[in-house]
């Protein structure tokens, strides 16, 4: 009787739709974890930047320059590693999106709901790609800073303003505070 009225096919479709919904929930949780990880990285980078700027305002020594160069080189390496991790996660998400697209064609009534979820996933992939680009821009910025500090350390860079004039200006600014 079940084969004649199609109830067994309907039950199979309901089970498949339920399985797809569970997998989607799992993907969304994973995506949220990735976003939290990304937010932590951004906060960490901002903290490092603030600490670095604060150190440079109070007089620069060769030791400070070398430490800053070393710290910046480590940060560049860390950011490159993070970029590779994000690329791998993007590829993984794109593969999962492809699988969901295939299942979407077979899903029937659940197709509209899955399309909405696919668009959200594409948006998150785009956001991750944008974050990757921002990270690459930040890497370039730090690499330029490393080169400048290395030039400063090597004595290739000299100030256009005489040292005694800089000292006078520093004293005048400190008196204003």
Protein backbone atom coordinates (compact mmCIF):
# COMPACT_ATOMS: atom_id res chain seq x y z
CA UNK A 1 0.00 0.00 0.00
CA UNK A 2 2.93 2.32 0.80
CA UNK A 3 4.46 2.00 -2.64
CA UNK A 4 1.16 2.85 -4.36
CA UNK A 5 0.50 6.14 -2.60
CA UNK A 6 4.22 7.18 -2.40
CA UNK A 7 4.36 7.45 1.39
CA UNK A 8 7.63 5.50 1.54
CA UNK A 9 9.24 7.94 -0.92
CA UNK A 10 7.89 10.84 1.12
CA UNK A 11 9.34 9.38 4.32
CA UNK A 12 12.72 8.87 2.62
CA UNK A 13 12.71 12.49 1.45
CA UNK A 14 11.79 13.73 4.93
CA UNK A 15 14.69 11.75 6.40
CA UNK A 16 17.10 13.13 3.79
CA UNK A 17 15.91 16.68 4.44
CA UNK A 18 16.35 16.15 8.18
CA UNK A 19 19.89 14.84 7.60
CA UNK A 20 20.70 17.88 5.43
CA UNK A 21 19.36 20.23 8.11
CA UNK A 22 21.56 18.58 10.73
CA UNK A 23 24.63 18.91 8.49
CA UNK A 24 23.80 22.54 7.83
CA UNK A 25 23.54 23.22 11.56
CA UNK A 26 26.93 21.60 12.03
CA UNK A 27 28.43 23.77 9.27
CA UNK A 28 26.94 26.92 10.76
CA UNK A 29 28.43 26.09 14.18
CA UNK A 30 31.81 25.49 12.56
CA UNK A 31 31.52 28.76 10.72
CA UNK A 32 30.69 30.62 13.93
CA UNK A 33 33.78 29.12 15.57
CA UNK A 34 35.87 30.34 12.64
CA UNK A 35 34.44 33.83 12.98
CA UNK A 36 35.24 33.88 16.69
CA UNK A 37 38.78 32.76 15.93
CA UNK A 38 39.08 35.52 13.34
CA UNK A 39 37.82 38.13 15.83
CA UNK A 40 40.41 36.98 18.38
CA UNK A 41 43.15 37.35 15.75
CA UNK A 42 42.04 40.89 14.95
CA UNK A 43 42.00 41.91 18.62
CA UNK A 44 45.43 40.37 19.10
CA UNK A 45 46.81 42.24 16.08
CA UNK A 46 45.36 45.55 17.30
CA UNK A 47 46.85 44.98 20.74
CA UNK A 48 50.28 44.35 19.24
CA UNK A 49 49.98 47.46 17.08
CA UNK A 50 49.04 49.63 20.05
CA UNK A 51 51.90 48.28 22.15
CA UNK A 52 54.31 48.82 19.26
CA UNK A 53 53.24 52.43 18.71
CA UNK A 54 53.44 53.22 22.41
CA UNK A 55 57.03 51.95 22.53
CA UNK A 56 58.14 54.03 19.56
CA UNK A 57 56.90 57.34 20.98
CA UNK A 58 59.14 57.34 24.03
CA UNK A 59 62.55 57.35 22.31
CA UNK A 60 64.06 54.68 20.15
CA UNK A 61 67.18 52.69 20.96
CA UNK A 62 68.97 50.19 18.75
CA UNK A 63 67.81 47.38 21.02
CA UNK A 64 64.22 48.54 20.72
CA UNK A 65 64.55 48.72 16.93
CA UNK A 66 66.00 45.20 16.75
CA UNK A 67 63.27 43.86 19.05
CA UNK A 68 60.59 45.61 17.03
CA UNK A 69 62.02 44.24 13.78
CA UNK A 70 62.13 40.76 15.28
CA UNK A 71 58.56 41.06 16.59
CA UNK A 72 57.31 42.34 13.24
CA UNK A 73 59.03 39.53 11.35
CA UNK A 74 57.42 37.00 13.71
CA UNK A 75 54.04 38.66 13.21
CA UNK A 76 54.45 38.55 9.43
CA UNK A 77 55.23 34.83 9.65
CA UNK A 78 52.22 34.28 11.93
CA UNK A 79 49.93 36.19 9.58
CA UNK A 80 51.18 34.22 6.58
CA UNK A 81 50.42 31.01 8.49
CA UNK A 82 46.95 32.32 9.36
CA UNK A 83 46.43 33.20 5.69
CA UNK A 84 47.22 29.63 4.67
CA UNK A 85 44.84 28.32 7.31
CA UNK A 86 42.07 30.59 6.05
CA UNK A 87 42.72 29.48 2.47
CA UNK A 88 42.36 25.83 3.53
CA UNK A 89 39.15 26.62 5.41
CA UNK A 90 37.81 28.53 2.42
CA UNK A 91 38.51 25.55 0.14
CA UNK A 92 36.83 23.24 2.66
CA UNK A 93 33.78 25.49 2.86
CA UNK A 94 33.60 25.74 -0.91
CA UNK A 95 33.66 21.94 -1.20
CA UNK A 96 30.90 21.66 1.38
CA UNK A 97 28.93 24.32 -0.47
CA UNK A 98 29.29 22.23 -3.64
CA UNK A 99 27.99 19.15 -1.84
CA UNK A 100 25.05 21.12 -0.50
CA UNK A 101 24.29 22.37 -4.00
CA UNK A 102 24.15 18.78 -5.28
CA UNK A 103 21.88 17.70 -2.45
CA UNK A 104 19.75 20.76 -3.07
CA UNK A 105 18.83 19.48 -6.53
CA UNK A 106 17.61 16.23 -4.95
CA UNK A 107 15.86 17.82 -1.97
CA UNK A 108 12.57 18.84 -3.56
CA UNK A 109 10.48 20.87 -1.12
CA UNK A 110 13.51 21.78 1.04
CA UNK A 111 15.30 23.35 -1.95
CA UNK A 112 14.29 26.94 -1.18
CA UNK A 113 15.48 26.72 2.40
CA UNK A 114 18.83 25.24 1.40
CA UNK A 115 19.34 27.95 -1.27
CA UNK A 116 19.05 30.60 1.42
CA UNK A 117 21.61 28.75 3.52
CA UNK A 118 23.92 28.44 0.50
CA UNK A 119 23.79 32.20 -0.02
CA UNK A 120 24.71 32.75 3.61
CA UNK A 121 27.66 30.39 3.21
CA UNK A 122 28.78 32.24 0.06
CA UNK A 123 28.58 35.50 1.96
CA UNK A 124 30.73 34.08 4.73
CA UNK A 125 33.23 32.78 2.18
CA UNK A 126 33.35 36.24 0.66
CA UNK A 127 33.89 37.78 4.10
CA UNK A 128 36.67 35.29 4.81
CA UNK A 129 38.27 36.17 1.46
CA UNK A 130 38.04 39.84 2.32
CA UNK A 131 39.65 39.18 5.71
CA UNK A 132 42.40 37.24 3.97
CA UNK A 133 43.02 40.25 1.71
CA UNK A 134 43.12 42.57 4.73
CA UNK A 135 45.62 40.21 6.36
CA UNK A 136 47.77 40.27 3.21
CA UNK A 137 47.63 44.07 3.21
CA UNK A 138 48.67 44.05 6.86
CA UNK A 139 51.56 41.68 6.04
CA UNK A 140 52.79 44.08 3.37
CA UNK A 141 52.53 46.96 5.82
CA UNK A 142 54.59 45.09 8.41
CA UNK A 143 57.14 44.08 5.80
CA UNK A 144 57.60 47.71 4.81
CA UNK A 145 57.95 48.65 8.48
CA UNK A 146 60.59 45.94 8.92
CA UNK A 147 62.54 47.34 5.96
CA UNK A 148 62.36 50.85 7.39
CA UNK A 149 63.55 49.70 10.79
CA UNK A 150 66.35 47.72 9.21
CA UNK A 151 67.40 50.81 7.26
CA UNK A 152 67.26 52.83 10.46
CA UNK A 153 69.26 50.18 12.31
CA UNK A 154 71.87 50.03 9.53
CA UNK A 155 72.25 53.81 9.61
CA UNK A 156 70.98 54.29 6.06
CA UNK A 157 68.21 56.62 7.22
CA UNK A 158 69.07 59.99 8.74
CA UNK A 159 66.79 62.66 10.04
CA UNK A 160 66.35 65.89 8.04
CA UNK A 161 66.12 67.83 11.32
CA UNK A 162 69.26 68.27 13.50
CA UNK A 163 69.28 66.30 16.77
CA UNK A 164 69.52 69.40 19.01
CA UNK A 165 66.46 70.87 17.29
CA UNK A 166 64.57 67.60 17.90
CA UNK A 167 65.59 67.67 21.58
CA UNK A 168 64.35 71.26 21.94
CA UNK A 169 61.05 70.35 20.32
CA UNK A 170 60.68 67.29 22.59
CA UNK A 171 61.26 69.45 25.71
CA UNK A 172 58.75 72.03 24.49
CA UNK A 173 56.12 69.31 23.90
CA UNK A 174 56.75 67.74 27.32
CA UNK A 175 56.24 71.15 28.97
CA UNK A 176 52.88 71.46 27.21
CA UNK A 177 51.72 68.21 28.81
